[in-house]
Amino acid sequence: MRRCRSVALVTVSALLLSGCAVASDPQWTPPGWEEHDIRISTAPEPIDPATVGALSGERLRNDTVGLQARFSLLPGSGAFDDRVVGMVRDAVQGRAAAVGRAYAPEVFPLGAGLGERGCVRGATLKAGAEILADPALGPVGGTGVAVACDIVAATGPILGERVRVVAGDASGVASDETTIVYADVTTGTVGSAAELWNPEASARLHGEIVELLRREAGALSLATVAPADESSLARFAPSLETTVPGAGGSLVITIAPGFTAPELVALDVPPTGSPLVIEVPAQTAATLVTPLGATLVAAGQAGAAFENPAAPPAGRTPVDCDLFPCVALTYDDGPSDFTPGILDELASRRAAATFFTMGDKASRYGDVLRRMVAEGHLAENHTWNHPHLPDIPLDAALRQIRDATGAIEKQTGERITMFRPPYGEYTSEIVAAAGLPAILWDVDTLDWQGISDDVLIDRAVEQPRPGSIVLQHDIQPNTARTAGAIYDGLRDRGFSLVTVAQLFGGQAPASGAWRSGR
């Protein structure tokens, strides 16, 4: 009886199972993660500044306050240069206040090596103590402030420069701040790295990164990551200031150690112990950026070469001679057949000069005068034919100046703003009646005396101080021969070569007689 009951039970069970079987779906797959495209990556290498032709490398050294700064400018960019120079100026002023000493531009003996200027590739990636200790980057002795830079973007119309300011001494780094500045050279728009992102980007990226790390930890939950609170977003915000372009239009940010979130804590995932580099692909970044950021992403997607803007001539670029050590090279008695060679040497170094030219040569050398002003130099007044002005009647002296002004302006189309009295001889009556400042000099090379090239170079390079006006003559063959060596020597000492107008803040000085800019 028991055996029959068991057989019946098995039979009934089999019938029930066969009658209630669920049909299978061969196309079915288990639910998976939502598509997620940001990824952990590595930081891109900086760009070699030598490949960005529009850049002007700059360098400051000041041992009185303890500072060295290397940075790159983009002549003609206006707001971009103002932003970078502003950071350098803030570093200078902060250091001067810290040590209680006034800042004034300084130069150094020949051999200082300050002709090597601009960003040093990879400098901003070094440890702060390493930057301070590097003679090419840090202050003398390693105590003070170092300003270093890297070019992080040069694509399409976008240039990006990372500027790092490190302060400290042998005992360690006291402060270390990094800022990235981007410029659209087409529109003139300038912004920080954080200003590449729109207001929603921070919260969105924070959530995406938490989700990425949760998956990396092996979580199986499909629950949505909770929105970050204000304190979490505040800790995350500095990450946006690190934004640099990656491959194919992506944007890359670096998150400082210590990143965490409740979802990660719940998985026993500790806060990150090292910098976390996150790459945001172009298609995602494009939904999270401002117009400046969109231009950067689009240029990266297109693989566009940098659109080097046409740089204004050196003599038309603003120079702060209270920050930079400036020297004004001046040339008298030309133009001559030697002048074009001097202009060539100036052009190859992006340097500027002032030429005090003769009225009786203006017509014959009109093409040279026009080249001078086209390349940003000043073509100013050295009278009609070089008389001793105090030895002739006042009306004759004024005629010498007026006639020269008319002849030079006819060729250049530029207004005469200053004059140089021949032999440096003048009277207060002549200067007042001329209505032009008389520009003299504080360094006379005496090149007209037939001195050797070595003596001429030594005088022109070693004697100037910040603010000096140097006298030479572009009718002398030795002056033409030594021009390049003199420019290189002055730059090696730390000088910026400017026009007389730049020396005086961008315009001719007030009426009177001037021997230097200081």
Protein backbone atom coordinates (compact mmCIF):
# COMPACT_ATOMS: atom_id res chain seq x y z
CA MET A 1 0.00 0.00 0.00
CA ARG A 2 2.79 2.42 0.93
CA ARG A 3 4.60 1.63 -2.35
CA CYS A 4 1.51 2.39 -4.45
CA ARG A 5 1.05 5.73 -2.64
CA SER A 6 4.64 6.74 -3.43
CA VAL A 7 4.31 5.89 -7.09
CA ALA A 8 1.11 7.89 -7.31
CA LEU A 9 2.78 10.91 -5.66
CA VAL A 10 5.69 10.82 -8.10
CA THR A 11 3.34 10.54 -11.02
CA VAL A 12 1.21 13.49 -9.87
CA SER A 13 4.32 15.62 -9.23
CA ALA A 14 5.65 14.93 -12.70
CA LEU A 15 2.35 15.84 -14.25
CA LEU A 16 2.16 19.08 -12.27
CA LEU A 17 5.70 20.07 -13.20
CA SER A 18 5.24 19.37 -16.85
CA GLY A 19 2.01 21.30 -16.93
CA CYS A 20 3.38 24.48 -15.14
CA ALA A 21 6.81 24.86 -16.87
CA VAL A 22 7.75 28.53 -17.75
CA ALA A 23 8.77 29.11 -21.35
CA SER A 24 12.46 30.24 -21.68
CA ASP A 25 13.63 33.36 -23.65
CA PRO A 26 16.90 32.69 -25.47
CA GLN A 27 17.42 36.47 -25.95
CA TRP A 28 17.24 37.28 -22.25
CA THR A 29 20.32 38.77 -20.50
CA PRO A 30 20.68 39.82 -16.90
CA PRO A 31 20.39 43.55 -16.18
CA GLY A 32 23.72 45.42 -16.54
CA TRP A 33 25.36 48.71 -15.59
CA GLU A 34 24.20 51.88 -17.24
CA GLU A 35 26.68 53.13 -19.85
CA HIS A 36 29.55 54.96 -18.12
CA ASP A 37 32.29 56.65 -20.11
CA ILE A 38 34.56 58.64 -17.76
CA ARG A 39 37.65 56.71 -16.81
CA ILE A 40 40.72 56.67 -14.63
CA SER A 41 43.67 57.86 -16.69
CA THR A 42 47.09 59.52 -16.51
CA ALA A 43 47.85 63.22 -16.70
CA PRO A 44 48.89 64.47 -20.17
CA GLU A 45 52.43 65.74 -20.65
CA PRO A 46 52.89 69.52 -21.09
CA ILE A 47 53.60 70.95 -24.54
CA ASP A 48 57.09 71.95 -25.64
CA PRO A 49 56.90 75.78 -25.62
CA ALA A 50 59.38 75.93 -28.50
CA THR A 51 56.66 74.51 -30.76
CA VAL A 52 54.32 77.42 -30.03
CA GLY A 53 55.75 80.15 -32.22
CA ALA A 54 53.68 83.05 -30.93
CA LEU A 55 54.97 82.87 -27.36
CA SER A 56 57.31 85.42 -25.83
CA GLY A 57 59.44 83.85 -23.10
CA GLU A 58 60.01 86.04 -20.04
CA ARG A 59 62.19 85.77 -16.97
CA LEU A 60 62.72 87.83 -13.82
CA ARG A 61 65.35 87.44 -11.16
CA ASN A 62 65.57 89.59 -8.07
CA ASP A 63 68.01 88.74 -5.31
CA THR A 64 67.01 91.64 -3.06
CA VAL A 65 63.62 90.13 -2.30
CA GLY A 66 64.50 86.54 -3.28
CA LEU A 67 62.55 85.69 -6.40
CA GLN A 68 62.86 84.06 -9.78
CA ALA A 69 60.00 83.90 -12.27
CA ARG A 70 59.78 82.18 -15.64
CA PHE A 71 56.62 82.60 -17.67
CA SER A 72 55.40 82.95 -21.24
CA LEU A 73 53.28 85.69 -22.75
CA LEU A 74 51.24 85.88 -25.93
CA PRO A 75 51.97 89.32 -27.42
CA GLY A 76 48.81 91.05 -28.51
CA SER A 77 46.55 88.88 -26.37
CA GLY A 78 45.80 91.67 -23.92
CA ALA A 79 43.76 90.02 -21.18
CA PHE A 80 45.79 86.78 -21.23
CA ASP A 81 49.09 88.61 -20.74
CA ASP A 82 47.49 90.85 -18.12
CA ARG A 83 46.35 87.78 -16.18
CA VAL A 84 49.76 86.07 -16.29
CA VAL A 85 51.74 89.23 -15.52
CA GLY A 86 49.27 89.97 -12.72
CA MET A 87 50.10 86.66 -11.06
CA VAL A 88 53.81 87.39 -11.34
CA ARG A 89 53.30 90.88 -9.96
CA ASP A 90 51.31 89.49 -7.02
CA ALA A 91 54.15 87.05 -6.28
CA VAL A 92 56.68 89.89 -6.40
CA GLN A 93 54.66 92.17 -4.16
CA GLY A 94 53.87 89.39 -1.71
CA ARG A 95 57.51 88.44 -1.39
CA ALA A 96 58.63 92.07 -1.01
CA ALA A 97 56.10 92.55 1.78
CA ALA A 98 57.17 89.31 3.47
CA VAL A 99 60.83 90.36 3.68
CA GLY A 100 60.13 94.07 4.23
CA ARG A 101 62.14 95.24 1.24
CA ALA A 102 61.12 97.40 -1.70
CA TYR A 103 61.19 95.75 -5.09
CA ALA A 104 63.10 97.36 -7.94
CA PRO A 105 64.14 95.61 -11.19
CA GLU A 106 67.63 94.09 -11.06
CA VAL A 107 70.18 92.90 -13.61
CA PHE A 108 73.29 90.81 -13.13
CA PRO A 109 76.83 90.48 -14.51
CA LEU A 110 77.34 89.03 -17.95
CA GLY A 111 77.17 85.25 -17.75
CA ALA A 112 74.03 85.21 -15.59
CA GLY A 113 72.29 83.12 -18.26
CA LEU A 114 69.04 85.07 -18.11
CA GLY A 115 68.69 85.08 -21.87
CA GLU A 116 67.08 81.63 -21.51
CA ARG A 117 63.49 82.59 -20.82
CA GLY A 118 59.95 81.31 -20.66
CA CYS A 119 58.43 78.02 -19.55
CA VAL A 120 60.65 75.01 -18.89
CA ARG A 121 58.68 71.97 -20.00
CA GLY A 122 57.60 69.87 -17.05
CA ALA A 123 58.65 72.45 -14.44
CA THR A 124 55.19 72.65 -12.84
CA LEU A 125 55.16 68.87 -12.35
CA LYS A 126 58.22 68.88 -10.08
CA ALA A 127 58.01 68.73 -6.30
CA GLY A 128 57.86 72.19 -4.73
CA ALA A 129 61.18 71.73 -2.94
CA GLU A 130 62.77 70.67 -6.22
CA ILE A 131 61.55 73.83 -7.94
CA LEU A 132 62.97 76.03 -5.19
CA ALA A 133 66.34 74.28 -5.32
CA ASP A 134 66.72 74.37 -9.12
CA PRO A 135 68.96 77.33 -10.14
CA ALA A 136 67.08 77.62 -13.43
CA LEU A 137 63.74 77.94 -11.65
CA GLY A 138 64.11 78.99 -8.04
CA PRO A 139 65.53 81.98 -6.19
CA VAL A 140 69.25 82.14 -5.51
CA GLY A 141 70.03 79.91 -2.52
CA GLY A 142 66.62 78.24 -2.71
CA THR A 143 65.01 80.70 -0.30
CA GLY A 144 62.18 82.86 -1.54
CA VAL A 145 59.62 82.53 -4.31
CA ALA A 146 59.74 80.65 -7.60
CA VAL A 147 57.26 81.14 -10.43
CA ALA A 148 57.29 78.29 -12.96
CA CYS A 149 55.05 77.57 -15.95
CA ASP A 150 54.01 74.96 -18.48
CA ILE A 151 52.04 75.22 -21.70
CA VAL A 152 49.13 72.77 -21.34
CA ALA A 153 47.08 73.65 -24.43
CA ALA A 154 47.86 75.01 -27.89
CA THR A 155 45.13 73.89 -30.25
CA GLY A 156 42.85 75.79 -32.59
CA PRO A 157 42.41 79.26 -31.09
CA ILE A 158 43.06 78.08 -27.52
CA LEU A 159 46.25 78.59 -25.51
CA GLY A 160 46.53 77.31 -21.94
CA GLU A 161 49.33 78.05 -19.48
CA ARG A 162 49.77 76.56 -16.03
CA VAL A 163 51.50 78.92 -13.59
CA ARG A 164 52.81 77.62 -10.27
CA VAL A 165 54.02 79.86 -7.44
CA VAL A 166 56.09 78.15 -4.75
CA ALA A 167 57.49 79.84 -1.64
CA GLY A 168 59.81 78.39 0.97
CA ASP A 169 63.36 77.79 2.10
CA ALA A 170 65.70 74.99 3.09
CA SER A 171 63.33 73.92 5.86
CA GLY A 172 60.50 73.24 3.43
CA VAL A 173 57.74 74.61 1.22
CA ALA A 174 55.64 77.30 2.88
CA SER A 175 53.06 77.76 0.12
CA ASP A 176 52.37 76.23 -3.27
CA GLU A 177 49.63 77.50 -5.60
CA THR A 178 48.82 76.56 -9.19
CA THR A 179 46.58 78.41 -11.66
CA ILE A 180 45.78 77.49 -15.25
CA VAL A 181 44.81 80.32 -17.61
CA TYR A 182 43.13 79.71 -20.96
CA ALA A 183 42.69 82.19 -23.80
CA ASP A 184 40.70 82.12 -27.01
CA VAL A 185 42.91 84.20 -29.30
CA THR A 186 40.04 84.71 -31.75
CA THR A 187 37.52 86.21 -29.33
CA GLY A 188 39.90 87.48 -26.65
CA THR A 189 38.06 85.46 -23.99
CA VAL A 190 40.22 84.50 -21.01
CA GLY A 191 39.31 82.20 -18.14
CA SER A 192 40.69 79.88 -15.52
CA ALA A 193 40.52 76.10 -15.82
CA ALA A 194 37.42 76.02 -13.63
CA GLU A 195 35.76 78.48 -15.99
CA LEU A 196 35.84 75.86 -18.74
CA TRP A 197 32.96 74.10 -16.93
CA ASN A 198 29.34 75.16 -16.57
CA PRO A 199 27.64 75.40 -13.12
CA GLU A 200 26.14 71.88 -13.33
CA ALA A 201 29.45 70.19 -14.08
CA SER A 202 30.73 69.86 -10.52
CA ALA A 203 27.74 67.90 -9.19
CA ARG A 204 27.49 65.77 -12.30
CA LEU A 205 31.19 64.86 -12.35
CA HIS A 206 31.24 64.18 -8.63
CA GLY A 207 28.41 61.68 -9.00
CA GLU A 208 30.00 60.03 -12.03
CA ILE A 209 33.30 59.59 -10.21
CA VAL A 210 31.61 58.07 -7.15
CA GLU A 211 29.82 55.62 -9.46
CA LEU A 212 33.09 54.79 -11.23
CA LEU A 213 34.88 54.08 -7.95
CA ARG A 214 31.92 52.08 -6.68
CA ARG A 215 32.13 49.81 -9.70
CA GLU A 216 35.91 49.59 -9.39
CA ALA A 217 35.30 48.30 -5.85
CA GLY A 218 33.05 45.50 -7.20
CA ALA A 219 29.67 46.83 -6.02
CA LEU A 220 26.60 45.15 -7.53
CA SER A 221 24.09 47.82 -6.60
CA LEU A 222 22.27 49.65 -9.38
CA ALA A 223 20.99 52.30 -6.97
CA THR A 224 21.55 55.88 -8.07
CA VAL A 225 24.37 57.73 -6.33
CA ALA A 226 22.97 60.28 -3.92
CA PRO A 227 23.62 63.95 -4.80
CA ALA A 228 26.72 65.33 -3.09
CA ASP A 229 26.20 67.78 -0.26
CA GLU A 230 27.68 71.28 -0.27
CA SER A 231 30.75 70.36 1.74
CA SER A 232 31.58 67.48 -0.61
CA LEU A 233 31.21 69.73 -3.64
CA ALA A 234 33.39 72.38 -1.97
CA ARG A 235 36.14 69.80 -1.47
CA PHE A 236 35.74 68.66 -5.07
CA ALA A 237 35.75 72.16 -6.64
CA PRO A 238 39.57 72.57 -6.71
CA SER A 239 39.73 69.55 -9.01
CA LEU A 240 38.17 71.62 -11.79
CA GLU A 241 41.03 74.09 -11.48
CA THR A 242 43.37 71.33 -12.70
CA THR A 243 41.56 70.82 -16.02
CA VAL A 244 43.81 70.20 -19.04
CA PRO A 245 42.97 68.82 -22.47
CA GLY A 246 43.53 65.14 -23.16
CA ALA A 247 43.40 63.16 -26.39
CA GLY A 248 40.59 63.59 -28.91
CA GLY A 249 38.94 66.56 -27.22
CA SER A 250 38.67 64.97 -23.77
CA LEU A 251 39.22 66.98 -20.61
CA VAL A 252 41.33 65.66 -17.75
CA ILE A 253 41.05 66.61 -14.09
CA THR A 254 43.18 65.57 -11.11
CA ILE A 255 41.50 64.98 -7.76
CA ALA A 256 43.59 65.45 -4.63
CA PRO A 257 43.98 62.49 -2.23
CA GLY A 258 41.13 61.97 0.23
CA PHE A 259 38.19 61.70 -2.16
CA THR A 260 35.29 59.69 -0.71
CA ALA A 261 31.48 59.50 -0.54
CA PRO A 262 28.87 57.67 1.58
CA GLU A 263 28.42 55.00 -1.10
CA LEU A 264 32.14 54.25 -0.93
CA VAL A 265 32.21 54.24 2.86
CA ALA A 266 29.38 51.70 2.82
CA LEU A 267 31.61 49.40 0.77
CA ASP A 268 34.55 49.90 3.17
CA VAL A 269 36.42 51.71 0.39
CA PRO A 270 38.93 54.06 2.07
CA PRO A 271 39.46 57.64 0.86
CA THR A 272 41.83 57.81 -2.11
CA GLY A 273 45.44 57.85 -0.97
CA SER A 274 47.01 59.41 -4.06
CA PRO A 275 45.95 61.87 -6.78
CA LEU A 276 43.18 60.45 -8.95
CA VAL A 277 43.33 61.42 -12.63
CA ILE A 278 39.97 61.32 -14.41
CA GLU A 279 39.46 61.67 -18.16
CA VAL A 280 36.10 62.97 -19.39
CA PRO A 281 35.61 62.03 -23.06
CA ALA A 282 34.74 64.76 -25.53
CA GLN A 283 31.11 63.72 -26.01
CA THR A 284 30.44 63.96 -22.28
CA ALA A 285 32.58 67.04 -21.70
CA ALA A 286 30.74 68.88 -24.48
CA THR A 287 27.54 68.74 -22.40
CA LEU A 288 29.21 70.25 -19.33
CA VAL A 289 31.30 73.17 -20.59
CA THR A 290 31.06 76.90 -21.12
CA PRO A 291 31.64 78.44 -24.59
CA LEU A 292 35.37 78.69 -23.81
CA GLY A 293 35.43 75.02 -22.84
CA ALA A 294 33.40 74.08 -25.91
CA THR A 295 35.98 75.72 -28.17
CA LEU A 296 38.75 73.77 -26.46
CA VAL A 297 36.87 70.46 -26.77
CA ALA A 298 36.02 71.07 -30.44
CA ALA A 299 39.60 72.00 -31.30
CA GLY A 300 40.85 68.86 -29.59
CA GLN A 301 38.35 66.69 -31.44
CA ALA A 302 39.48 68.18 -34.75
CA GLY A 303 43.16 67.79 -33.85
CA ALA A 304 43.57 71.44 -34.85
CA ALA A 305 46.98 73.09 -34.87
CA PHE A 306 47.33 76.22 -32.78
CA GLU A 307 46.22 79.34 -34.63
CA ASN A 308 49.24 81.50 -33.89
CA PRO A 309 47.95 85.08 -33.78
CA ALA A 310 49.85 87.81 -35.58
CA ALA A 311 52.02 89.31 -32.86
CA PRO A 312 52.33 93.10 -32.72
CA PRO A 313 55.87 94.46 -33.07
CA ALA A 314 57.92 94.41 -29.90
CA GLY A 315 57.93 98.19 -29.66
CA ARG A 316 54.13 98.26 -29.53
CA THR A 317 53.76 95.69 -26.79
CA PRO A 318 53.15 97.12 -23.30
CA VAL A 319 56.09 96.59 -20.95
CA ASP A 320 55.99 97.40 -17.24
CA CYS A 321 59.46 98.79 -16.61
CA ASP A 322 58.72 98.96 -12.88
CA LEU A 323 58.54 95.17 -12.96
CA PHE A 324 60.99 94.30 -15.76
CA PRO A 325 64.55 95.66 -15.96
CA CYS A 326 64.35 97.77 -19.12
CA VAL A 327 67.03 99.38 -21.26
CA ALA A 328 66.43 101.69 -24.22
CA LEU A 329 68.96 101.34 -27.04
CA THR A 330 69.11 104.45 -29.21
CA TYR A 331 70.82 105.11 -32.53
CA ASP A 332 71.77 108.54 -33.90
CA ASP A 333 72.63 110.11 -37.27
CA GLY A 334 70.93 107.59 -39.57
CA PRO A 335 69.39 106.04 -41.43
CA SER A 336 72.31 104.60 -43.35
CA ASP A 337 73.17 101.50 -45.32
CA PHE A 338 73.97 99.82 -41.99
CA THR A 339 70.50 100.36 -40.51
CA PRO A 340 68.70 97.44 -42.21
CA GLY A 341 71.18 94.98 -40.69
CA ILE A 342 70.53 96.39 -37.23
CA LEU A 343 66.78 96.05 -37.84
CA ASP A 344 67.34 92.41 -38.81
CA GLU A 345 69.12 91.70 -35.54
CA LEU A 346 66.37 93.39 -33.54
CA ALA A 347 63.66 91.45 -35.37
CA SER A 348 65.31 88.08 -34.77
CA ARG A 349 65.22 88.71 -30.99
CA ARG A 350 61.87 90.47 -30.80
CA ALA A 351 63.61 93.56 -29.41
CA ALA A 352 62.83 97.25 -29.86
CA ALA A 353 64.94 100.39 -30.25
CA THR A 354 64.69 104.10 -30.92
CA PHE A 355 66.32 105.77 -33.93
CA PHE A 356 67.01 109.50 -33.81
CA THR A 357 67.09 110.22 -37.52
CA MET A 358 68.24 113.10 -39.70
CA GLY A 359 65.82 115.15 -41.73
CA ASP A 360 68.16 115.53 -44.69
CA LYS A 361 68.33 111.71 -45.03
CA ALA A 362 64.60 111.07 -44.77
CA SER A 363 63.82 111.10 -48.48
CA ARG A 364 66.83 108.99 -49.47
CA TYR A 365 66.12 106.35 -46.82
CA GLY A 366 62.35 106.52 -46.82
CA ASP A 367 62.00 102.76 -47.18
CA VAL A 368 64.20 102.19 -44.14
CA LEU A 369 62.21 104.70 -42.08
CA ARG A 370 58.97 103.02 -43.07
CA ARG A 371 60.39 99.64 -42.10
CA MET A 372 61.44 101.03 -38.70
CA VAL A 373 57.96 102.11 -37.74
CA ALA A 374 56.30 99.06 -39.32
CA GLU A 375 58.43 96.86 -37.07
CA GLY A 376 57.49 98.85 -33.97
CA HIS A 377 60.62 100.96 -33.51
CA LEU A 378 60.57 104.71 -33.06
CA ALA A 379 61.87 107.02 -35.79
CA GLU A 380 62.39 110.30 -33.98
CA ASN A 381 64.00 113.70 -34.59
CA HIS A 382 67.76 114.41 -34.61
CA THR A 383 67.45 117.76 -36.45
CA TRP A 384 67.86 118.42 -40.14
CA ASN A 385 71.65 118.22 -40.48
CA HIS A 386 73.20 117.97 -37.01
CA PRO A 387 74.30 121.50 -36.00
CA HIS A 388 75.35 122.69 -32.56
CA LEU A 389 71.95 124.08 -31.60
CA PRO A 390 73.10 126.52 -28.88
CA ASP A 391 75.51 128.10 -31.40
CA ILE A 392 72.80 129.19 -33.86
CA PRO A 393 69.88 131.62 -33.44
CA LEU A 394 66.81 130.26 -31.73
CA ASP A 395 64.67 130.54 -34.87
CA ALA A 396 67.29 128.62 -36.87
CA ALA A 397 67.45 125.92 -34.19
CA LEU A 398 63.67 125.57 -34.24
CA ARG A 399 63.71 125.41 -38.03
CA GLN A 400 66.22 122.55 -37.81
CA ILE A 401 63.78 120.64 -35.60
CA ARG A 402 60.60 121.57 -37.51
CA ASP A 403 62.02 120.77 -40.94
CA ALA A 404 63.29 117.40 -39.73
CA THR A 405 59.92 116.61 -38.20
CA GLY A 406 58.13 117.37 -41.46
CA ALA A 407 60.51 115.27 -43.56
CA ILE A 408 60.47 112.24 -41.24
CA GLU A 409 56.70 112.30 -40.71
CA LYS A 410 56.17 112.50 -44.47
CA GLN A 411 57.99 109.20 -44.88
CA THR A 412 56.69 107.32 -41.86
CA GLY A 413 53.19 108.64 -41.39
CA GLU A 414 53.90 108.65 -37.66
CA ARG A 415 53.96 111.69 -35.40
CA ILE A 416 57.31 112.80 -34.00
CA THR A 417 57.11 112.80 -30.19
CA MET A 418 60.68 113.54 -29.05
CA PHE A 419 64.02 114.84 -30.29
CA ARG A 420 67.67 114.43 -29.50
CA PRO A 421 69.85 117.53 -29.70
CA PRO A 422 73.09 116.86 -31.62
CA TYR A 423 76.10 116.35 -29.32
CA GLY A 424 73.63 116.48 -26.41
CA GLU A 425 73.81 120.29 -26.57
CA TYR A 426 70.66 122.30 -25.86
CA THR A 427 69.24 125.22 -23.94
CA SER A 428 66.08 125.37 -21.91
CA GLU A 429 64.73 127.94 -24.41
CA ILE A 430 65.22 125.52 -27.31
CA VAL A 431 63.50 122.66 -25.48
CA ALA A 432 60.59 124.82 -24.38
CA ALA A 433 60.09 126.33 -27.85
CA ALA A 434 60.39 122.96 -29.60
CA GLY A 435 57.51 121.56 -27.55
CA LEU A 436 59.23 118.16 -27.51
CA PRO A 437 61.16 116.39 -24.77
CA ALA A 438 64.92 116.25 -25.32
CA ILE A 439 66.15 112.67 -24.93
CA LEU A 440 69.78 112.42 -23.88
CA TRP A 441 71.59 109.34 -22.48
CA ASP A 442 73.36 107.97 -19.45
CA VAL A 443 75.52 105.42 -21.32
CA ASP A 444 77.70 106.63 -24.21
CA THR A 445 79.46 103.82 -26.04
CA LEU A 446 81.66 106.28 -28.00
CA ASP A 447 81.30 103.94 -30.97
CA TRP A 448 82.25 106.78 -33.32
CA GLN A 449 85.82 106.79 -31.98
CA GLY A 450 86.78 103.67 -33.94
CA ILE A 451 87.02 101.46 -30.87
CA SER A 452 87.38 97.69 -31.21
CA ASP A 453 84.33 95.47 -31.33
CA ASP A 454 85.19 93.93 -27.95
CA VAL A 455 85.42 97.32 -26.26
CA LEU A 456 82.16 98.44 -27.85
CA ILE A 457 80.33 95.29 -26.73
CA ASP A 458 81.71 95.62 -23.23
CA ARG A 459 80.56 99.26 -22.91
CA ALA A 460 77.09 98.62 -24.36
CA VAL A 461 76.48 95.48 -22.29
CA GLU A 462 78.20 96.11 -18.96
CA GLN A 463 77.46 99.79 -18.30
CA PRO A 464 73.65 99.96 -18.49
CA ARG A 465 71.47 99.69 -15.41
CA PRO A 466 67.66 99.34 -15.31
CA GLY A 467 66.20 102.46 -16.92
CA SER A 468 69.34 103.34 -18.91
CA ILE A 469 69.31 105.06 -22.29
CA VAL A 470 72.27 103.88 -24.39
CA LEU A 471 73.77 105.99 -27.19
CA GLN A 472 75.10 104.44 -30.40
CA HIS A 473 75.19 105.48 -34.05
CA ASP A 474 73.73 103.42 -36.87
CA ILE A 475 76.17 105.02 -39.32
CA GLN A 476 79.10 103.18 -37.71
CA PRO A 477 80.19 99.79 -39.13
CA ASN A 478 81.33 98.48 -35.74
CA THR A 479 77.90 99.28 -34.28
CA ALA A 480 76.23 97.29 -37.04
CA ARG A 481 78.65 94.37 -36.64
CA THR A 482 78.17 94.08 -32.91
CA ALA A 483 74.41 94.65 -32.69
CA GLY A 484 73.47 91.00 -32.23
CA ALA A 485 76.17 90.35 -29.63
CA ILE A 486 75.10 93.43 -27.67
CA TYR A 487 71.45 92.39 -27.66
CA ASP A 488 72.34 88.88 -26.51
CA GLY A 489 74.63 90.21 -23.80
CA LEU A 490 71.97 92.55 -22.44
CA ARG A 491 69.39 89.77 -22.41
CA ASP A 492 71.87 87.47 -20.64
CA ARG A 493 72.10 90.07 -17.87
CA GLY A 494 68.30 90.09 -17.58
CA PHE A 495 67.35 93.20 -19.57
CA SER A 496 64.25 93.77 -21.66
CA LEU A 497 65.09 95.86 -24.74
CA VAL A 498 62.51 98.60 -25.20
CA THR A 499 61.89 101.91 -26.96
CA VAL A 500 62.21 105.21 -25.14
CA ALA A 501 58.41 105.46 -25.09
CA GLN A 502 58.09 102.03 -23.48
CA LEU A 503 60.70 103.06 -20.94
CA PHE A 504 58.39 105.89 -19.91
CA GLY A 505 55.22 103.85 -19.62
CA GLY A 506 54.21 103.73 -23.28
CA GLN A 507 54.48 107.37 -24.29
CA ALA A 508 57.05 110.13 -24.63
CA PRO A 509 58.04 111.73 -21.34
CA ALA A 510 56.90 115.20 -20.42
CA SER A 511 58.68 118.19 -21.90
CA GLY A 512 62.17 118.70 -20.56
CA ALA A 513 65.51 116.91 -20.86
CA TRP A 514 65.84 113.26 -19.88
CA ARG A 515 68.98 111.16 -19.44
CA SER A 516 67.36 107.91 -18.27
CA GLY A 517 64.05 106.40 -17.30
CA ARG A 518 64.91 106.43 -13.58
